C-alpha atoms as a PDB file:
ATOM      1  CA  MET A   1      -7.575 -65.599  71.994  1.00  0.00           C
ATOM      2  CA  VAL A   2      -4.526 -64.533  73.955  1.00  0.00           C
ATOM      3  CA  THR A   3      -1.640 -67.005  73.926  1.00  0.00           C
ATOM      4  CA  THR A   4       0.920 -66.478  76.650  1.00  0.00           C
ATOM      5  CA  CYS A   5       3.472 -68.356  78.704  1.00  0.00           C
ATOM      6  CA  GLN A   6       2.901 -65.981  81.625  1.00  0.00           C
ATOM      7  CA  GLU A   7      -0.117 -65.920  83.920  1.00  0.00           C
ATOM      8  CA  GLN A   8      -2.601 -63.186  83.045  1.00  0.00           C
ATOM      9  CA  PHE A   9      -4.028 -60.992  85.794  1.00  0.00           C
ATOM     10  CA  CYS A  10      -6.823 -58.434  85.735  1.00  0.00           C
ATOM     11  CA  PRO A  11      -5.143 -55.061  86.450  1.00  0.00           C
ATOM     12  CA  ILE A  12      -8.155 -54.001  88.538  1.00  0.00           C
ATOM     13  CA  CYS A  13      -8.640 -56.923  90.961  1.00  0.00           C
ATOM     14  CA  LEU A  14      -5.233 -58.592  90.404  1.00  0.00           C
ATOM     15  CA  ASN A  15      -6.837 -62.055  89.999  1.00  0.00           C
ATOM     16  CA  GLU A  16      -7.008 -64.322  86.962  1.00  0.00           C
ATOM     17  CA  PRO A  17      -9.624 -62.751  84.641  1.00  0.00           C
ATOM     18  CA  THR A  18     -13.185 -63.993  85.221  1.00  0.00           C
ATOM     19  CA  SER A  19     -15.105 -63.933  81.913  1.00  0.00           C
ATOM     20  CA  GLY A  20     -12.144 -62.083  80.429  1.00  0.00           C
ATOM     21  CA  ARG A  21     -12.759 -59.175  78.084  1.00  0.00           C
ATOM     22  CA  VAL A  22     -10.198 -57.431  75.905  1.00  0.00           C
ATOM     23  CA  THR A  23     -10.325 -53.746  75.026  1.00  0.00           C
ATOM     24  CA  LYS A  24      -9.496 -52.251  71.613  1.00  0.00           C
ATOM     25  CA  CYS A  25      -6.091 -51.309  73.033  1.00  0.00           C
ATOM     26  CA  GLY A  26      -5.422 -54.982  73.883  1.00  0.00           C
ATOM     27  CA  HIS A  27      -5.667 -55.002  77.688  1.00  0.00           C
ATOM     28  CA  VAL A  28      -7.485 -57.904  79.379  1.00  0.00           C
ATOM     29  CA  PHE A  29      -9.825 -57.388  82.337  1.00  0.00           C
ATOM     30  CA  CYS A  30     -12.448 -59.369  84.233  1.00  0.00           C
ATOM     31  CA  TYR A  31     -15.847 -58.580  82.726  1.00  0.00           C
ATOM     32  CA  PRO A  32     -17.371 -57.556  86.090  1.00  0.00           C
ATOM     33  CA  CYS A  33     -14.336 -55.378  86.924  1.00  0.00           C
ATOM     34  CA  ILE A  34     -14.306 -53.448  83.645  1.00  0.00           C
ATOM     35  CA  LEU A  35     -18.095 -52.993  83.673  1.00  0.00           C
ATOM     36  CA  HIS A  36     -17.942 -51.595  87.206  1.00  0.00           C
ATOM     37  CA  TYR A  37     -15.070 -49.315  86.194  1.00  0.00           C
ATOM     38  CA  LEU A  38     -17.030 -48.048  83.167  1.00  0.00           C
ATOM     39  CA  SER A  39     -20.120 -47.394  85.319  1.00  0.00           C
ATOM     40  CA  LEU A  40     -18.195 -45.059  87.649  1.00  0.00           C
ATOM     41  CA  GLY A  41     -18.239 -42.215  85.123  1.00  0.00           C
ATOM     42  CA  ASP A  42     -21.106 -40.080  83.861  1.00  0.00           C
ATOM     43  CA  ARG A  43     -20.130 -40.618  80.196  1.00  0.00           C
ATOM     44  CA  ASN A  44     -20.612 -43.798  78.135  1.00  0.00           C
ATOM     45  CA  TRP A  45     -16.826 -44.341  78.002  1.00  0.00           C
ATOM     46  CA  ARG A  46     -13.762 -44.070  80.244  1.00  0.00           C
ATOM     47  CA  ARG A  47     -10.018 -44.075  79.806  1.00  0.00           C
ATOM     48  CA  CYS A  48      -8.225 -47.433  79.933  1.00  0.00           C
ATOM     49  CA  PRO A  49      -6.632 -47.770  83.395  1.00  0.00           C
ATOM     50  CA  ILE A  50      -3.394 -48.945  81.752  1.00  0.00           C
ATOM     51  CA  CYS A  51      -2.795 -46.802  78.650  1.00  0.00           C
ATOM     52  CA  TYR A  52      -5.561 -44.139  78.846  1.00  0.00           C
ATOM     53  CA  ASP A  53      -7.061 -45.050  75.455  1.00  0.00           C
ATOM     54  CA  SER A  54     -10.848 -44.647  75.309  1.00  0.00           C
ATOM     55  CA  VAL A  55     -12.848 -47.759  76.332  1.00  0.00           C
ATOM     56  CA  TYR A  56     -16.516 -48.282  75.449  1.00  0.00           C
ATOM     57  CA  ALA A  57     -18.568 -51.216  76.792  1.00  0.00           C
ATOM     58  CA  ARG A  58     -19.744 -51.997  73.249  1.00  0.00           C
ATOM     59  CA  ASP A  59     -16.124 -52.502  72.121  1.00  0.00           C
ATOM     60  CA  LEU A  60     -15.247 -55.141  74.757  1.00  0.00           C
ATOM     61  CA  LYS A  61     -14.650 -58.550  73.205  1.00  0.00           C
ATOM     62  CA  PRO A  62     -14.634 -61.942  74.949  1.00  0.00           C
ATOM     63  CA  VAL A  63     -11.180 -63.424  75.227  1.00  0.00           C
ATOM     64  CA  LYS A  64      -9.893 -66.915  75.923  1.00  0.00           C
ATOM     65  CA  ILE A  65      -6.483 -67.135  77.546  1.00  0.00           C
ATOM     66  CA  ASN A  66      -4.407 -70.027  76.263  1.00  0.00           C
ATOM     67  CA  HIS A  67      -1.420 -70.887  78.484  1.00  0.00           C
ATOM     68  CA  VAL A  68       1.511 -72.455  76.630  1.00  0.00           C
ATOM     69  CA  SER A  69       4.899 -73.756  77.691  1.00  0.00           C
ATOM     70  CA  GLU A  70       7.857 -71.473  77.334  1.00  0.00           C
ATOM     71  CA  TYR A  71      10.168 -72.777  74.617  1.00  0.00           C
ATOM     72  CA  THR A  72      13.872 -73.078  75.261  1.00  0.00           C
ATOM     73  CA  GLU A  73      16.839 -73.846  73.054  1.00  0.00           C
ATOM     74  CA  GLY A  74      16.978 -77.494  72.036  1.00  0.00           C
ATOM     75  CA  LYS A  75      13.308 -78.171  72.749  1.00  0.00           C
ATOM     76  CA  LYS A  76      11.365 -79.708  69.850  1.00  0.00           C
ATOM     77  CA  ILE A  77       8.319 -77.835  68.613  1.00  0.00           C
ATOM     78  CA  LYS A  78       5.785 -78.655  65.904  1.00  0.00           C
ATOM     79  CA  MET A  79       5.013 -75.900  63.400  1.00  0.00           C
ATOM     80  CA  VAL A  80       1.715 -75.823  61.503  1.00  0.00           C
ATOM     81  CA  LEU A  81       1.096 -73.656  58.466  1.00  0.00           C
ATOM     82  CA  MET A  82      -2.286 -71.922  58.763  1.00  0.00           C
ATOM     83  CA  GLN A  83      -4.241 -69.998  56.157  1.00  0.00           C
ATOM     84  CA  LYS A  84      -7.309 -67.803  56.401  1.00  0.00           C
ATOM     85  CA  PHE A  85      -9.579 -67.796  53.377  1.00  0.00           C
ATOM     86  CA  LYS A  86     -11.508 -64.704  52.291  1.00  0.00           C
ATOM     87  CA  VAL A  87     -15.245 -65.011  52.803  1.00  0.00           C
END
């Protein structure tokens, strides 16, 4: 999940990500856009269009974009302590 106070845009089509996928380097793309981009090469990977890290289709993970309000001085916020247990 990506939590942001800014709108997220796919760097390929410049729209809000459709079926968003995140790469290992942390960039978010539309699933159709990144699959099309990956299919343009003759190898099973391509360089990330943003940072040039290697991107494989098998490494793409679904992502949910959570828009939050931007906090300003004097605004009340509620903090919640979270813990992840070992499985």
